[in-house]
Amino acid sequence: MFDGGGLELRITKDSTKQWLFKYYKPLTKNRTNISFGAYPTTSLANARLKRQAAKELLAQDIDLYVHKKEQELAGKKNAV
């Protein structure tokens, strides 16, 4: 189910629902996607906010996957 702007709710055969954002990587221009979380844990409104934040990062040529991994690594360093 598409919401627009690259956001979609993917429903698998076992009825798992996942918010996905499809985008082009800034450097390679390859099409890929990133998960924003499972539905209903992540609401439509929250998924739309995450999409907007993701678009702002892409406008700065920041790859979402790399950014997410850097944030996770920084979080682990701060926890130690």
Protein backbone atom coordinates (compact mmCIF):
# COMPACT_ATOMS: atom_id res chain seq x y z
CA MET A 1 0.00 0.00 0.00
CA PHE A 2 1.56 3.27 -1.12
CA ASP A 3 1.29 6.52 0.83
CA GLY A 4 3.26 8.63 -1.62
CA GLY A 5 6.68 10.24 -1.63
CA GLY A 6 8.39 6.85 -1.50
CA LEU A 7 6.62 5.64 1.66
CA GLU A 8 4.80 2.33 1.57
CA LEU A 9 3.33 -0.22 3.93
CA ARG A 10 4.56 -3.64 2.85
CA ILE A 11 2.38 -6.57 3.91
CA THR A 12 3.93 -10.03 3.66
CA LYS A 13 2.19 -13.37 3.25
CA ASP A 14 2.29 -13.96 7.00
CA SER A 15 0.51 -10.58 7.53
CA THR A 16 3.59 -8.80 8.85
CA LYS A 17 3.30 -5.08 8.13
CA GLN A 18 6.42 -2.92 7.69
CA TRP A 19 6.86 0.77 6.79
CA LEU A 20 9.41 1.15 3.98
CA PHE A 21 10.86 4.25 2.38
CA LYS A 22 12.21 3.84 -1.15
CA TYR A 23 14.98 6.20 -2.22
CA TYR A 24 18.01 6.60 -4.47
CA LYS A 25 21.43 6.49 -2.83
CA PRO A 26 23.08 9.91 -3.22
CA LEU A 27 26.43 8.69 -4.55
CA THR A 28 25.59 5.64 -6.67
CA LYS A 29 22.00 6.58 -7.63
CA ASN A 30 20.95 2.97 -6.98
CA ARG A 31 17.37 2.45 -5.80
CA THR A 32 17.09 0.98 -2.31
CA ASN A 33 14.81 1.12 0.73
CA ILE A 34 15.01 1.53 4.47
CA SER A 35 12.60 0.38 7.15
CA PHE A 36 10.89 2.84 9.48
CA GLY A 37 9.43 0.13 11.73
CA ALA A 38 6.52 -2.23 12.02
CA TYR A 39 2.87 -1.27 11.88
CA PRO A 40 1.00 -0.63 14.25
CA THR A 41 4.01 0.05 16.53
CA THR A 42 4.99 2.85 14.14
CA SER A 43 1.92 4.87 13.20
CA LEU A 44 1.25 6.43 9.80
CA ALA A 45 1.85 9.90 11.25
CA ASN A 46 5.20 8.82 12.70
CA ALA A 47 6.22 7.13 9.43
CA ARG A 48 5.41 10.36 7.56
CA LEU A 49 7.59 12.35 9.98
CA LYS A 50 10.44 9.90 9.43
CA ARG A 51 9.96 10.21 5.66
CA GLN A 52 10.25 14.00 5.91
CA ALA A 53 13.43 13.74 7.99
CA ALA A 54 14.84 11.23 5.51
CA LYS A 55 14.12 13.55 2.59
CA GLU A 56 15.95 16.36 4.38
CA LEU A 57 19.02 14.14 4.81
CA LEU A 58 18.88 13.08 1.16
CA ALA A 59 18.75 16.74 0.12
CA GLN A 60 22.13 17.09 1.87
CA ASP A 61 23.48 14.03 -0.03
CA ILE A 62 23.53 11.91 3.13
CA ASP A 63 22.86 8.19 2.60
CA LEU A 64 20.13 7.09 5.02
CA TYR A 65 21.61 3.64 5.66
CA VAL A 66 25.06 5.05 6.46
CA HIS A 67 23.51 7.74 8.66
CA LYS A 68 21.45 5.13 10.56
CA LYS A 69 24.52 2.95 11.18
CA GLU A 70 26.54 5.96 12.39
CA GLN A 71 23.74 6.88 14.81
CA GLU A 72 23.60 3.31 16.15
CA LEU A 73 27.39 3.24 16.62
CA ALA A 74 27.34 6.61 18.41
CA GLY A 75 24.56 5.34 20.66
CA LYS A 76 26.58 2.26 21.60
CA LYS A 77 29.65 4.39 22.40
CA ASN A 78 27.57 6.67 24.64
CA ALA A 79 26.06 3.69 26.46
CA VAL A 80 29.48 2.36 27.45
